[in-house]
Every structure is written in C-alpha cells, then in structure tokens.
Amino acid sequence: MAETMLKVENLWKNFGGLTAVSEYTLELPQGEIYGLIGPNGAGKTTVFNLISGVLKPSRGKILFRGVDITWLRPDQISALGLTRTFQNLRLFPSLSVAMNLRIACHIHARSGFLSTLFSAPSFFREEREIERKVERILELFSMQDFREEIASNLPYGWQRKLDIARALMCEPQVLLLDEPSAGMNTREAEDLAALVRRVHEEFRLTMMIVEHRMPFVMGLARRIQVLDYGSVIAFGTPEEIRNDPRVIEAYLGAGDLIA
C-alpha cells in the first residue's frame, strides 16, 4: 500500500462569522495526482492556504508524512518537501528566468555565511549543483532560450510554466498547483497539461491540483474532490464526479463537467 504523503483531519477555517472550510479531510497517497474542484468561492484556495501554512486553521490537523505541520510557517513546510504555486503569479518580475530558479534553490542551501564569504570549496560545490538543477529544469520546460530573459517580459503562458519550474527547484515531494491554467487559452492549457504529466512522471511527484478548467483536471487526476460552501460533497474518479447529481447541481448544470 502506498504511503500517505498528506493527511488532513477535520479541518475548519472561520473568518469571523463566515465558515470558509468545514470538516475537510484528505488522504493523498504517494505518487498520485488528486484534483480539487468546486464553484467559485467554494473554499479551494483556502484549503491550499491552510495546507501550505499561509493561513492557520480554526481547528483540525495537517500531517505531512506523519509529521504535524499544522502550525509551521510556509518556509518550514516547503523545506520539508511540500511546495505550492499560487493562482496569482508570484515571480520575481525584474529578475531573469535563471535567477528566479536559482533563488528557489536557496531554501535547501547548506553553505553558511562564512563559507560563502570566504568562497569555501563547499560553497562552490553547492553553486555547481544549483546550476546543474537549473539546466535540468530549463531543458525539461524547453526554456533554454529564455535563460536570461526578464521574467516579466515572458508571454503569460511561459510565466505560468516558470512558476511551476521554480516550485520544482525546491525539490518537493508533494506539489500543490493552484489554478495552473488560469488565463491560458485552450492550446496553452493542453500544452501545460502534457508538461504537468511529464513532470509528475519524471520527478515521481505526488500532486494535488485546484483547477476550474474541467478537461484539464479530469485528464490528469486519478481522484477528484468536489468542494461546495467549504465542504466536500463528492469524491471519486473523474467519471464518477462527472455523473454525480450533487456535483452537477453545485455547478448549476453539467455543461462545465462534460466539456
């Protein structure tokens, strides 16, 4: 049986008198891709913000490989191996593509202040390893020609890819993708789905995807959770979700699910 990489137990989040997430549970097995869908305002991004430490829950528990991460900071969670992207891009817009990737590596940097200051051999070994990782990611994402391009000058679709590439530089074991195809046209979204599938296979990642574009998530995820008003109303295979009356009612019609 596959190891449970991420376990969420009875998670709640209240904002004053508003309950954004209630009784949320999850068991994400190693190597799987799960989807998280729901109408606008259902609480999907709030769930990701809770899991990644951006928000703290009103109650409940979050375990990453058996370690309680409920009250850890986002950087501590990322250092353990759970990384996420954001719906709104958070690149360093004035820096080059390569520099965006290098900076993401520093969360695992081992060279201290003195070894860096005095250019110790350990510092140079680490810098060579970072450059090797940068080259690997640039090649995987077909971004070699954009190496020195300023991030804000990239076409939007490529900025989205850079955001995922940067997350991979943190060496995650679990990767949370929040609306990765947002703002893309159909062709760009199809290309991105193929890239995500390739990344999943090459890095043997466990992944969870929040996505509004149904063909995108249903073509990638083995299991899908559906949120409505902060609660899970359905969980199953893409085919089961597509035909679930509760899901169809939540989306006010089956059009988005069948498309």
Protein backbone atom coordinates (compact mmCIF):
# COMPACT_ATOMS: atom_id res chain seq x y z
CA MET A 1 0.00 0.00 0.00
CA ALA A 2 1.31 3.46 -0.93
CA GLU A 3 2.41 5.77 1.86
CA THR A 4 0.01 8.57 2.75
CA MET A 5 2.00 11.69 1.97
CA LEU A 6 -0.56 14.24 3.12
CA LYS A 7 -3.32 13.68 5.66
CA VAL A 8 -5.81 16.34 6.69
CA GLU A 9 -8.14 15.70 9.61
CA ASN A 10 -11.36 17.62 10.30
CA LEU A 11 -10.06 20.98 9.07
CA TRP A 12 -12.09 24.11 9.73
CA LYS A 13 -11.46 27.76 8.89
CA ASN A 14 -13.65 30.59 10.12
CA PHE A 15 -13.31 34.24 9.19
CA GLY A 16 -15.36 35.95 11.87
CA GLY A 17 -18.89 34.62 11.40
CA LEU A 18 -18.11 33.12 7.98
CA THR A 19 -17.15 29.46 7.73
CA ALA A 20 -14.90 29.11 4.68
CA VAL A 21 -13.91 25.44 5.21
CA SER A 22 -15.68 22.86 7.37
CA GLU A 23 -14.83 19.24 8.23
CA TYR A 24 -12.33 18.96 5.38
CA THR A 25 -10.44 15.66 5.26
CA LEU A 26 -7.89 14.27 2.82
CA GLU A 27 -5.59 11.26 2.45
CA LEU A 28 -3.24 11.77 -0.50
CA PRO A 29 -1.25 8.63 -1.40
CA GLN A 30 2.32 8.74 -2.65
CA GLY A 31 2.67 9.16 -6.41
CA GLU A 32 -0.97 10.10 -7.05
CA ILE A 33 -2.48 13.17 -8.69
CA TYR A 34 -5.66 14.35 -6.98
CA GLY A 35 -7.90 17.17 -8.16
CA LEU A 36 -9.83 19.69 -6.07
CA ILE A 37 -12.68 21.41 -7.84
CA GLY A 38 -15.79 23.41 -6.99
CA PRO A 39 -17.72 26.55 -7.89
CA ASN A 40 -16.20 29.99 -7.33
CA GLY A 41 -15.94 30.72 -3.62
CA ALA A 42 -16.20 27.06 -2.62
CA GLY A 43 -13.04 27.23 -0.49
CA LYS A 44 -10.49 25.55 -2.77
CA THR A 45 -7.70 28.09 -2.45
CA THR A 46 -8.42 28.44 1.27
CA VAL A 47 -7.72 24.70 1.63
CA PHE A 48 -4.38 25.15 -0.16
CA ASN A 49 -3.56 28.18 2.01
CA LEU A 50 -4.23 26.11 5.13
CA ILE A 51 -2.18 23.12 3.98
CA SER A 52 0.78 25.30 2.94
CA GLY A 53 0.77 27.38 6.14
CA VAL A 54 -0.34 30.67 4.59
CA LEU A 55 -3.41 30.51 6.84
CA LYS A 56 -3.84 28.76 10.19
CA PRO A 57 -6.94 26.64 10.79
CA SER A 58 -9.62 27.34 13.36
CA ARG A 59 -9.33 23.66 14.23
CA GLY A 60 -8.12 20.41 12.72
CA LYS A 61 -4.77 18.82 11.93
CA ILE A 62 -2.48 18.59 8.89
CA LEU A 63 0.12 15.80 8.68
CA PHE A 64 2.88 15.58 6.09
CA ARG A 65 4.43 12.11 6.05
CA GLY A 66 3.26 11.67 9.62
CA VAL A 67 4.70 14.99 10.84
CA ASP A 68 2.25 17.53 12.24
CA ILE A 69 2.73 20.69 10.14
CA THR A 70 -0.47 22.44 11.23
CA TRP A 71 1.30 25.35 12.92
CA LEU A 72 4.50 25.52 10.89
CA ARG A 73 5.43 28.54 8.76
CA PRO A 74 5.20 28.26 4.93
CA ASP A 75 9.02 28.21 4.58
CA GLN A 76 9.31 25.40 7.13
CA ILE A 77 6.65 23.38 5.31
CA SER A 78 8.38 23.93 1.96
CA ALA A 79 11.72 22.86 3.44
CA LEU A 80 10.12 19.56 4.50
CA GLY A 81 9.09 18.87 0.90
CA LEU A 82 5.58 20.30 0.43
CA THR A 83 5.56 23.14 -2.10
CA ARG A 84 2.79 25.07 -3.83
CA THR A 85 2.14 27.55 -6.59
CA PHE A 86 -0.35 30.40 -6.40
CA GLN A 87 -3.28 31.39 -8.58
CA ASN A 88 -1.76 34.86 -8.81
CA LEU A 89 1.81 34.65 -10.09
CA ARG A 90 4.50 35.44 -7.51
CA LEU A 91 7.58 35.51 -9.68
CA PHE A 92 10.43 37.97 -9.20
CA PRO A 93 9.39 40.02 -12.24
CA SER A 94 12.57 42.11 -12.60
CA LEU A 95 14.92 39.11 -12.42
CA SER A 96 15.92 36.69 -15.17
CA VAL A 97 14.38 33.26 -15.63
CA ALA A 98 17.59 31.59 -14.42
CA MET A 99 17.79 33.82 -11.35
CA ASN A 100 14.17 33.03 -10.43
CA LEU A 101 15.11 29.36 -10.48
CA ARG A 102 18.34 29.83 -8.52
CA ILE A 103 16.62 31.77 -5.73
CA ALA A 104 14.12 28.95 -5.23
CA CYS A 105 17.04 26.57 -4.53
CA HIS A 106 18.27 28.54 -1.56
CA ILE A 107 15.67 27.04 0.78
CA HIS A 108 17.88 23.93 0.78
CA ALA A 109 21.22 25.77 0.82
CA ARG A 110 23.73 24.31 3.28
CA SER A 111 26.60 26.78 2.92
CA GLY A 112 26.77 29.15 5.86
CA PHE A 113 27.68 32.82 5.94
CA LEU A 114 31.42 32.23 6.47
CA SER A 115 31.80 29.59 3.74
CA THR A 116 30.00 31.92 1.34
CA LEU A 117 32.01 34.98 2.41
CA PHE A 118 35.36 33.23 2.03
CA SER A 119 34.35 31.20 -1.06
CA ALA A 120 34.99 27.85 0.61
CA PRO A 121 35.03 24.68 -1.57
CA SER A 122 31.65 23.66 -0.13
CA PHE A 123 30.19 26.92 -1.44
CA PHE A 124 31.42 26.25 -4.98
CA ARG A 125 30.20 22.64 -4.89
CA GLU A 126 26.75 23.83 -3.89
CA GLU A 127 26.71 26.51 -6.59
CA ARG A 128 27.63 23.89 -9.24
CA GLU A 129 24.81 21.66 -8.00
CA ILE A 130 22.35 24.54 -8.24
CA GLU A 131 23.46 25.28 -11.81
CA ARG A 132 23.01 21.60 -12.70
CA LYS A 133 19.44 21.73 -11.38
CA VAL A 134 18.75 24.96 -13.27
CA GLU A 135 19.94 23.37 -16.52
CA ARG A 136 17.82 20.28 -15.96
CA ILE A 137 14.67 22.33 -15.33
CA LEU A 138 15.31 24.69 -18.25
CA GLU A 139 15.66 21.69 -20.55
CA LEU A 140 12.58 19.91 -19.20
CA PHE A 141 10.48 23.06 -19.67
CA SER A 142 12.08 23.92 -23.05
CA MET A 143 13.10 27.30 -21.64
CA GLN A 144 16.82 27.31 -22.52
CA ASP A 145 16.34 30.24 -24.91
CA PHE A 146 14.68 32.25 -22.12
CA ARG A 147 17.51 31.75 -19.61
CA GLU A 148 18.49 35.43 -19.38
CA GLU A 149 15.06 36.86 -20.25
CA ILE A 150 13.48 39.07 -17.58
CA ALA A 151 10.53 37.16 -16.10
CA SER A 152 8.01 39.97 -16.66
CA ASN A 153 8.90 40.03 -20.38
CA LEU A 154 7.85 36.41 -20.91
CA PRO A 155 4.50 35.66 -22.57
CA TYR A 156 1.89 34.89 -19.92
CA GLY A 157 1.81 31.16 -20.65
CA TRP A 158 5.57 30.93 -20.16
CA GLN A 159 5.32 32.85 -16.89
CA ARG A 160 2.90 30.17 -15.69
CA LYS A 161 5.41 27.47 -16.66
CA LEU A 162 8.21 29.34 -14.91
CA ASP A 163 6.14 29.41 -11.73
CA ILE A 164 5.86 25.61 -11.77
CA ALA A 165 9.54 25.26 -12.73
CA ARG A 166 10.52 27.39 -9.77
CA ALA A 167 8.43 25.23 -7.43
CA LEU A 168 10.32 22.16 -8.66
CA MET A 169 13.64 23.78 -7.72
CA CYS A 170 12.54 23.43 -4.08
CA GLU A 171 12.77 19.64 -4.56
CA PRO A 172 9.20 18.91 -3.41
CA GLN A 173 7.79 15.51 -2.62
CA VAL A 174 4.25 16.91 -2.77
CA LEU A 175 3.37 19.74 -5.16
CA LEU A 176 0.15 21.75 -4.88
CA LEU A 177 -0.85 23.57 -8.08
CA ASP A 178 -3.39 26.37 -7.63
CA GLU A 179 -5.22 27.14 -10.89
CA PRO A 180 -2.15 26.43 -13.08
CA SER A 181 -4.01 27.07 -16.35
CA ALA A 182 -5.63 30.35 -15.23
CA GLY A 183 -5.57 32.93 -18.02
CA MET A 184 -4.40 30.46 -20.69
CA ASN A 185 -6.12 29.70 -23.96
CA THR A 186 -7.14 26.13 -24.80
CA ARG A 187 -3.93 25.28 -26.67
CA GLU A 188 -1.73 26.65 -23.89
CA ALA A 189 -3.71 24.69 -21.30
CA GLU A 190 -3.32 21.46 -23.30
CA ASP A 191 0.43 22.01 -23.56
CA LEU A 192 0.63 22.71 -19.84
CA ALA A 193 -1.33 19.54 -19.00
CA ALA A 194 1.17 17.49 -21.03
CA LEU A 195 4.03 19.22 -19.19
CA VAL A 196 2.48 18.54 -15.76
CA ARG A 197 2.07 14.87 -16.69
CA ARG A 198 5.72 14.70 -17.75
CA VAL A 199 6.88 16.44 -14.55
CA HIS A 200 4.79 14.02 -12.45
CA GLU A 201 6.38 11.01 -14.12
CA GLU A 202 9.97 12.25 -14.21
CA PHE A 203 10.09 13.51 -10.62
CA ARG A 204 7.73 10.83 -9.24
CA LEU A 205 5.79 13.57 -7.54
CA THR A 206 2.62 13.42 -5.50
CA MET A 207 0.39 16.25 -6.70
CA MET A 208 -2.88 18.00 -5.97
CA ILE A 209 -4.42 20.43 -8.43
CA VAL A 210 -7.02 23.12 -7.85
CA GLU A 211 -8.45 23.93 -11.25
CA HIS A 212 -11.54 25.49 -12.81
CA ARG A 213 -10.89 24.06 -16.28
CA MET A 214 -12.58 20.65 -16.14
CA PRO A 215 -10.88 18.93 -19.11
CA PHE A 216 -7.51 19.91 -17.63
CA VAL A 217 -8.05 18.40 -14.19
CA MET A 218 -10.06 15.39 -15.35
CA GLY A 219 -7.36 14.47 -17.82
CA LEU A 220 -4.70 14.45 -15.09
CA ALA A 221 -6.26 13.45 -11.77
CA ARG A 222 -6.98 9.88 -10.74
CA ARG A 223 -9.29 11.01 -7.94
CA ILE A 224 -11.16 14.28 -7.53
CA GLN A 225 -12.67 16.03 -4.52
CA VAL A 226 -15.51 18.48 -5.01
CA LEU A 227 -16.00 21.36 -2.59
CA ASP A 228 -19.17 23.39 -2.19
CA TYR A 229 -19.58 26.03 0.52
CA GLY A 230 -16.39 24.79 2.14
CA SER A 231 -17.44 21.15 2.50
CA VAL A 232 -16.57 18.06 0.46
CA ILE A 233 -19.72 16.96 -1.36
CA ALA A 234 -18.18 14.27 -3.59
CA PHE A 235 -15.01 12.23 -4.04
CA GLY A 236 -14.23 9.74 -6.77
CA THR A 237 -12.86 9.07 -10.22
CA PRO A 238 -13.32 11.69 -12.96
CA GLU A 239 -16.12 9.57 -14.47
CA GLU A 240 -17.91 9.27 -11.11
CA ILE A 241 -17.58 13.01 -10.49
CA ARG A 242 -18.80 13.88 -13.98
CA ASN A 243 -22.04 11.97 -13.38
CA ASP A 244 -22.64 12.78 -9.71
CA PRO A 245 -26.00 14.61 -9.30
CA ARG A 246 -24.69 16.60 -6.30
CA VAL A 247 -21.79 17.88 -8.37
CA ILE A 248 -23.98 18.76 -11.32
CA GLU A 249 -26.33 20.67 -9.00
CA ALA A 250 -23.42 22.54 -7.39
CA TYR A 251 -22.23 23.67 -10.82
CA LEU A 252 -25.79 24.60 -11.86
CA GLY A 253 -25.70 22.28 -14.85
CA ALA A 254 -23.47 19.60 -16.32
CA GLY A 255 -22.01 21.72 -19.14
CA ASP A 256 -18.72 22.57 -17.40
CA LEU A 257 -18.18 18.98 -16.33
CA ILE A 258 -18.86 17.39 -19.68
CA ALA A 259 -16.87 19.91 -21.72
